Amino acid sequence: MVEGPVLLERVAEATGELKERILARGVVEYLRSELRRVNAEVIGIRNRYGVDSAGDMDERYRRGELDEGHSWRDFFRLSHLEERRGVLERLLEEASVRLSASKRFIPGPLNLGV
């Protein structure tokens, strides 16, 4: 298997693109993919219990409309996924803005917001 830096160099040479821009586009695509995966899992849990969010699920617990015995793991998972989704959305926005800001991407640290 080709090492990452070697592959990056080969792709940059073959496409005439800046290595930084290739990396930035890769980060954007990774974040989009991860966001799709997280959203799919969120939708699955929400549909399973007929809720709109972890907050909605918590409210249903408080009103006695949802049994915690079989759903508490999903409640905590949903809460975690909603938080992760927020982080991914912020990172994606920042990476997308940086990528589209100019044709020549200027690298800098991403603010993880965590």
N, C-alpha and C. Protein backbone atom coordinates (compact mmCIF):
# COMPACT_ATOMS: atom_id res chain seq x y z
N MET A 1 0.84 -1.18 0.00
CA MET A 1 0.00 0.00 0.00
C MET A 1 0.89 1.25 0.00
N VAL A 2 0.46 2.26 -0.71
CA VAL A 2 1.21 3.50 -0.83
C VAL A 2 0.99 4.35 0.43
N GLU A 3 2.08 4.89 0.98
CA GLU A 3 2.00 5.77 2.14
C GLU A 3 1.21 7.03 1.80
N GLY A 4 0.50 7.59 2.79
CA GLY A 4 -0.33 8.77 2.59
C GLY A 4 0.39 9.94 1.93
N PRO A 5 1.54 10.37 2.46
CA PRO A 5 2.24 11.50 1.85
C PRO A 5 2.68 11.24 0.41
N VAL A 6 3.07 10.00 0.13
CA VAL A 6 3.48 9.64 -1.23
C VAL A 6 2.28 9.69 -2.16
N LEU A 7 1.16 9.15 -1.73
CA LEU A 7 -0.06 9.17 -2.53
C LEU A 7 -0.51 10.61 -2.77
N LEU A 8 -0.47 11.42 -1.73
CA LEU A 8 -0.86 12.82 -1.87
C LEU A 8 0.02 13.52 -2.91
N GLU A 9 1.30 13.29 -2.84
CA GLU A 9 2.23 13.88 -3.81
C GLU A 9 1.91 13.42 -5.22
N ARG A 10 1.63 12.14 -5.39
CA ARG A 10 1.31 11.60 -6.72
C ARG A 10 0.02 12.20 -7.26
N VAL A 11 -0.99 12.32 -6.43
CA VAL A 11 -2.27 12.90 -6.85
C VAL A 11 -2.08 14.37 -7.21
N ALA A 12 -1.33 15.10 -6.39
CA ALA A 12 -1.09 16.52 -6.66
C ALA A 12 -0.37 16.70 -8.00
N GLU A 13 0.63 15.89 -8.24
CA GLU A 13 1.37 15.98 -9.51
C GLU A 13 0.48 15.62 -10.69
N ALA A 14 -0.32 14.58 -10.55
CA ALA A 14 -1.15 14.11 -11.65
C ALA A 14 -2.28 15.09 -11.98
N THR A 15 -2.80 15.79 -10.95
CA THR A 15 -3.94 16.68 -11.17
C THR A 15 -3.55 18.15 -11.30
N GLY A 16 -2.33 18.47 -10.88
CA GLY A 16 -1.90 19.86 -10.90
C GLY A 16 -2.53 20.68 -9.78
N GLU A 17 -3.08 20.02 -8.81
CA GLU A 17 -3.76 20.69 -7.69
C GLU A 17 -2.79 20.82 -6.52
N LEU A 18 -3.00 21.85 -5.70
CA LEU A 18 -2.20 22.02 -4.50
C LEU A 18 -2.51 20.89 -3.51
N LYS A 19 -1.47 20.39 -2.86
CA LYS A 19 -1.66 19.33 -1.87
C LYS A 19 -2.61 19.78 -0.76
N GLU A 20 -2.49 21.03 -0.33
CA GLU A 20 -3.34 21.55 0.74
C GLU A 20 -4.81 21.53 0.33
N ARG A 21 -5.06 21.85 -0.94
CA ARG A 21 -6.45 21.87 -1.43
C ARG A 21 -7.00 20.44 -1.52
N ILE A 22 -6.17 19.51 -1.95
CA ILE A 22 -6.59 18.11 -2.00
C ILE A 22 -6.94 17.63 -0.59
N LEU A 23 -6.09 17.95 0.37
CA LEU A 23 -6.36 17.55 1.75
C LEU A 23 -7.64 18.20 2.27
N ALA A 24 -7.82 19.48 1.97
CA ALA A 24 -9.02 20.19 2.43
C ALA A 24 -10.27 19.57 1.83
N ARG A 25 -10.23 19.25 0.55
CA ARG A 25 -11.39 18.63 -0.08
C ARG A 25 -11.66 17.26 0.53
N GLY A 26 -10.59 16.54 0.84
CA GLY A 26 -10.75 15.24 1.50
C GLY A 26 -11.40 15.37 2.86
N VAL A 27 -11.01 16.40 3.61
CA VAL A 27 -11.60 16.64 4.93
C VAL A 27 -13.09 16.96 4.79
N VAL A 28 -13.43 17.82 3.82
CA VAL A 28 -14.83 18.17 3.60
C VAL A 28 -15.65 16.93 3.25
N GLU A 29 -15.14 16.10 2.37
CA GLU A 29 -15.86 14.88 1.98
C GLU A 29 -15.98 13.92 3.15
N TYR A 30 -14.93 13.79 3.95
CA TYR A 30 -15.00 12.94 5.14
C TYR A 30 -16.08 13.43 6.09
N LEU A 31 -16.10 14.74 6.35
CA LEU A 31 -17.09 15.31 7.26
C LEU A 31 -18.51 15.10 6.73
N ARG A 32 -18.70 15.27 5.44
CA ARG A 32 -20.03 15.04 4.85
C ARG A 32 -20.46 13.59 5.03
N SER A 33 -19.54 12.68 4.79
CA SER A 33 -19.83 11.26 4.93
C SER A 33 -20.17 10.91 6.38
N GLU A 34 -19.39 11.42 7.30
CA GLU A 34 -19.62 11.15 8.72
C GLU A 34 -20.96 11.75 9.16
N LEU A 35 -21.27 12.93 8.66
CA LEU A 35 -22.54 13.57 8.99
C LEU A 35 -23.72 12.76 8.45
N ARG A 36 -23.59 12.20 7.26
CA ARG A 36 -24.65 11.33 6.72
C ARG A 36 -24.84 10.10 7.60
N ARG A 37 -23.74 9.50 8.04
CA ARG A 37 -23.80 8.31 8.89
C ARG A 37 -24.49 8.64 10.22
N VAL A 38 -24.09 9.73 10.84
CA VAL A 38 -24.68 10.15 12.11
C VAL A 38 -26.17 10.45 11.94
N ASN A 39 -26.51 11.19 10.88
CA ASN A 39 -27.92 11.52 10.64
C ASN A 39 -28.76 10.27 10.43
N ALA A 40 -28.22 9.29 9.72
CA ALA A 40 -28.97 8.04 9.50
C ALA A 40 -29.25 7.35 10.83
N GLU A 41 -28.27 7.31 11.72
CA GLU A 41 -28.47 6.67 13.02
C GLU A 41 -29.47 7.47 13.87
N VAL A 42 -29.37 8.79 13.83
CA VAL A 42 -30.31 9.65 14.56
C VAL A 42 -31.74 9.39 14.08
N ILE A 43 -31.93 9.36 12.78
CA ILE A 43 -33.26 9.12 12.21
C ILE A 43 -33.80 7.77 12.65
N GLY A 44 -32.93 6.76 12.66
CA GLY A 44 -33.35 5.43 13.09
C GLY A 44 -33.86 5.41 14.52
N ILE A 45 -33.13 6.06 15.41
CA ILE A 45 -33.55 6.09 16.82
C ILE A 45 -34.82 6.92 16.98
N ARG A 46 -34.86 8.07 16.32
CA ARG A 46 -36.05 8.92 16.42
C ARG A 46 -37.29 8.19 15.92
N ASN A 47 -37.17 7.49 14.81
CA ASN A 47 -38.30 6.75 14.26
C ASN A 47 -38.72 5.60 15.17
N ARG A 48 -37.75 4.94 15.79
CA ARG A 48 -38.04 3.81 16.66
C ARG A 48 -38.97 4.21 17.81
N TYR A 49 -38.77 5.44 18.34
CA TYR A 49 -39.54 5.87 19.50
C TYR A 49 -40.54 6.98 19.19
N GLY A 50 -40.61 7.40 17.95
CA GLY A 50 -41.54 8.46 17.56
C GLY A 50 -41.25 9.79 18.23
N VAL A 51 -39.96 10.12 18.35
CA VAL A 51 -39.55 11.37 18.99
C VAL A 51 -38.81 12.25 17.99
N ASP A 52 -38.68 13.53 18.34
CA ASP A 52 -37.98 14.47 17.47
C ASP A 52 -36.54 14.72 17.89
N SER A 53 -36.22 14.39 19.15
CA SER A 53 -34.88 14.67 19.67
C SER A 53 -34.71 13.95 21.00
N ALA A 54 -33.48 14.01 21.53
CA ALA A 54 -33.24 13.46 22.87
C ALA A 54 -34.04 14.23 23.91
N GLY A 55 -34.18 15.54 23.69
CA GLY A 55 -34.99 16.36 24.60
C GLY A 55 -36.44 15.92 24.60
N ASP A 56 -36.96 15.61 23.43
CA ASP A 56 -38.33 15.12 23.31
C ASP A 56 -38.47 13.76 24.00
N MET A 57 -37.47 12.93 23.84
CA MET A 57 -37.48 11.61 24.47
C MET A 57 -37.48 11.76 25.99
N ASP A 58 -36.65 12.67 26.48
CA ASP A 58 -36.59 12.95 27.93
C ASP A 58 -37.94 13.43 28.44
N GLU A 59 -38.58 14.29 27.70
CA GLU A 59 -39.90 14.80 28.09
C GLU A 59 -40.92 13.67 28.15
N ARG A 60 -40.84 12.74 27.24
CA ARG A 60 -41.77 11.60 27.25
C ARG A 60 -41.52 10.69 28.44
N TYR A 61 -40.24 10.57 28.85
CA TYR A 61 -39.94 9.83 30.07
C TYR A 61 -40.64 10.51 31.26
N ARG A 62 -40.49 11.81 31.35
CA ARG A 62 -41.04 12.57 32.48
C ARG A 62 -42.56 12.46 32.55
N ARG A 63 -43.20 12.38 31.39
CA ARG A 63 -44.67 12.26 31.36
C ARG A 63 -45.13 10.81 31.47
N GLY A 64 -44.18 9.87 31.54
CA GLY A 64 -44.53 8.46 31.67
C GLY A 64 -45.01 7.84 30.37
N GLU A 65 -44.73 8.46 29.25
CA GLU A 65 -45.18 7.95 27.96
C GLU A 65 -44.19 6.99 27.31
N LEU A 66 -43.00 6.89 27.90
CA LEU A 66 -41.97 6.04 27.32
C LEU A 66 -41.29 5.28 28.44
N ASP A 67 -41.16 3.97 28.25
CA ASP A 67 -40.53 3.12 29.27
C ASP A 67 -39.02 3.20 29.16
N GLU A 68 -38.37 3.62 30.23
CA GLU A 68 -36.91 3.74 30.24
C GLU A 68 -36.21 2.39 30.20
N GLY A 69 -36.86 1.37 30.69
CA GLY A 69 -36.23 0.06 30.82
C GLY A 69 -35.58 -0.46 29.55
N HIS A 70 -36.22 -0.23 28.42
CA HIS A 70 -35.70 -0.77 27.17
C HIS A 70 -35.13 0.30 26.24
N SER A 71 -35.22 1.55 26.65
CA SER A 71 -34.83 2.61 25.73
C SER A 71 -33.72 3.53 26.23
N TRP A 72 -33.27 3.36 27.45
CA TRP A 72 -32.31 4.31 28.01
C TRP A 72 -31.01 4.34 27.25
N ARG A 73 -30.55 3.19 26.74
CA ARG A 73 -29.30 3.20 25.95
C ARG A 73 -29.47 4.04 24.69
N ASP A 74 -30.62 3.88 24.04
CA ASP A 74 -30.89 4.67 22.83
C ASP A 74 -31.01 6.16 23.16
N PHE A 75 -31.56 6.47 24.32
CA PHE A 75 -31.66 7.88 24.74
C PHE A 75 -30.26 8.50 24.83
N PHE A 76 -29.34 7.83 25.50
CA PHE A 76 -27.99 8.36 25.65
C PHE A 76 -27.25 8.37 24.31
N ARG A 77 -27.49 7.36 23.49
CA ARG A 77 -26.87 7.33 22.16
C ARG A 77 -27.38 8.49 21.31
N LEU A 78 -28.68 8.73 21.35
CA LEU A 78 -29.27 9.83 20.58
C LEU A 78 -28.70 11.17 21.05
N SER A 79 -28.59 11.35 22.35
CA SER A 79 -28.04 12.58 22.90
C SER A 79 -26.60 12.78 22.41
N HIS A 80 -25.81 11.72 22.47
CA HIS A 80 -24.42 11.78 21.99
C HIS A 80 -24.37 12.11 20.49
N LEU A 81 -25.21 11.45 19.71
CA LEU A 81 -25.21 11.67 18.26
C LEU A 81 -25.63 13.09 17.91
N GLU A 82 -26.58 13.64 18.64
CA GLU A 82 -27.00 15.01 18.38
C GLU A 82 -25.86 15.99 18.66
N GLU A 83 -25.12 15.73 19.72
CA GLU A 83 -23.97 16.57 20.03
C GLU A 83 -22.89 16.42 18.96
N ARG A 84 -22.62 15.20 18.56
CA ARG A 84 -21.62 14.94 17.53
C ARG A 84 -22.03 15.60 16.21
N ARG A 85 -23.31 15.53 15.89
CA ARG A 85 -23.80 16.15 14.67
C ARG A 85 -23.51 17.65 14.67
N GLY A 86 -23.73 18.29 15.81
CA GLY A 86 -23.44 19.72 15.93
C GLY A 86 -21.98 20.04 15.68
N VAL A 87 -21.09 19.22 16.25
CA VAL A 87 -19.65 19.41 16.05
C VAL A 87 -19.30 19.21 14.58
N LEU A 88 -19.83 18.16 13.97
CA LEU A 88 -19.54 17.89 12.56
C LEU A 88 -20.06 19.01 11.66
N GLU A 89 -21.25 19.53 11.97
CA GLU A 89 -21.81 20.62 11.17
C GLU A 89 -20.94 21.87 11.26
N ARG A 90 -20.45 22.18 12.46
CA ARG A 90 -19.58 23.35 12.62
C ARG A 90 -18.27 23.16 11.87
N LEU A 91 -17.69 21.98 11.99
CA LEU A 91 -16.44 21.70 11.29
C LEU A 91 -16.64 21.75 9.78
N LEU A 92 -17.73 21.19 9.30
CA LEU A 92 -18.01 21.19 7.87
C LEU A 92 -18.19 22.61 7.35
N GLU A 93 -18.91 23.43 8.10
CA GLU A 93 -19.10 24.82 7.70
C GLU A 93 -17.75 25.54 7.61
N GLU A 94 -16.93 25.36 8.64
CA GLU A 94 -15.62 26.01 8.65
C GLU A 94 -14.74 25.51 7.51
N ALA A 95 -14.70 24.22 7.31
CA ALA A 95 -13.87 23.66 6.25
C ALA A 95 -14.37 24.08 4.88
N SER A 96 -15.68 24.13 4.69
CA SER A 96 -16.26 24.53 3.40
C SER A 96 -15.96 25.99 3.10
N VAL A 97 -16.06 26.84 4.12
CA VAL A 97 -15.76 28.26 3.93
C VAL A 97 -14.30 28.43 3.56
N ARG A 98 -13.43 27.74 4.25
CA ARG A 98 -12.00 27.83 3.94
C ARG A 98 -11.71 27.35 2.53
N LEU A 99 -12.38 26.29 2.14
CA LEU A 99 -12.13 25.72 0.82
C LEU A 99 -12.62 26.64 -0.29
N SER A 100 -13.76 27.26 -0.09
CA SER A 100 -14.31 28.10 -1.14
C SER A 100 -13.83 29.55 -1.06
N ALA A 101 -13.11 29.90 0.00
CA ALA A 101 -12.66 31.28 0.17
C ALA A 101 -11.75 31.74 -0.96
N SER A 102 -10.97 30.84 -1.44
CA SER A 102 -10.10 31.18 -2.56
C SER A 102 -9.75 29.91 -3.31
N LYS A 103 -9.28 30.10 -4.51
CA LYS A 103 -8.88 28.95 -5.30
C LYS A 103 -7.63 28.32 -4.70
N ARG A 104 -6.83 29.13 -4.08
CA ARG A 104 -5.61 28.64 -3.44
C ARG A 104 -5.86 28.56 -1.94
N PHE A 105 -6.17 27.37 -1.48
CA PHE A 105 -6.47 27.13 -0.07
C PHE A 105 -5.26 27.47 0.79
N ILE A 106 -5.48 28.25 1.83
CA ILE A 106 -4.42 28.58 2.77
C ILE A 106 -4.70 27.79 4.04
N PRO A 107 -3.84 26.81 4.35
CA PRO A 107 -4.12 25.94 5.49
C PRO A 107 -4.00 26.68 6.81
N GLY A 108 -4.75 26.21 7.76
CA GLY A 108 -4.71 26.72 9.12
C GLY A 108 -5.45 25.73 10.00
N PRO A 109 -5.27 25.81 11.30
CA PRO A 109 -5.94 24.84 12.17
C PRO A 109 -7.45 25.04 12.18
N LEU A 110 -8.17 23.94 12.16
CA LEU A 110 -9.62 24.00 12.29
C LEU A 110 -9.97 24.15 13.76
N ASN A 111 -10.97 24.95 14.04
CA ASN A 111 -11.45 25.12 15.40
C ASN A 111 -12.45 24.01 15.68
N LEU A 112 -12.08 23.05 16.50
CA LEU A 112 -12.93 21.89 16.75
C LEU A 112 -14.17 22.23 17.56
N GLY A 113 -14.17 23.32 18.27
CA GLY A 113 -15.34 23.74 19.01
C GLY A 113 -15.78 22.76 20.08
N VAL A 114 -14.87 21.95 20.53
CA VAL A 114 -15.21 20.93 21.53
C VAL A 114 -14.73 21.39 22.89
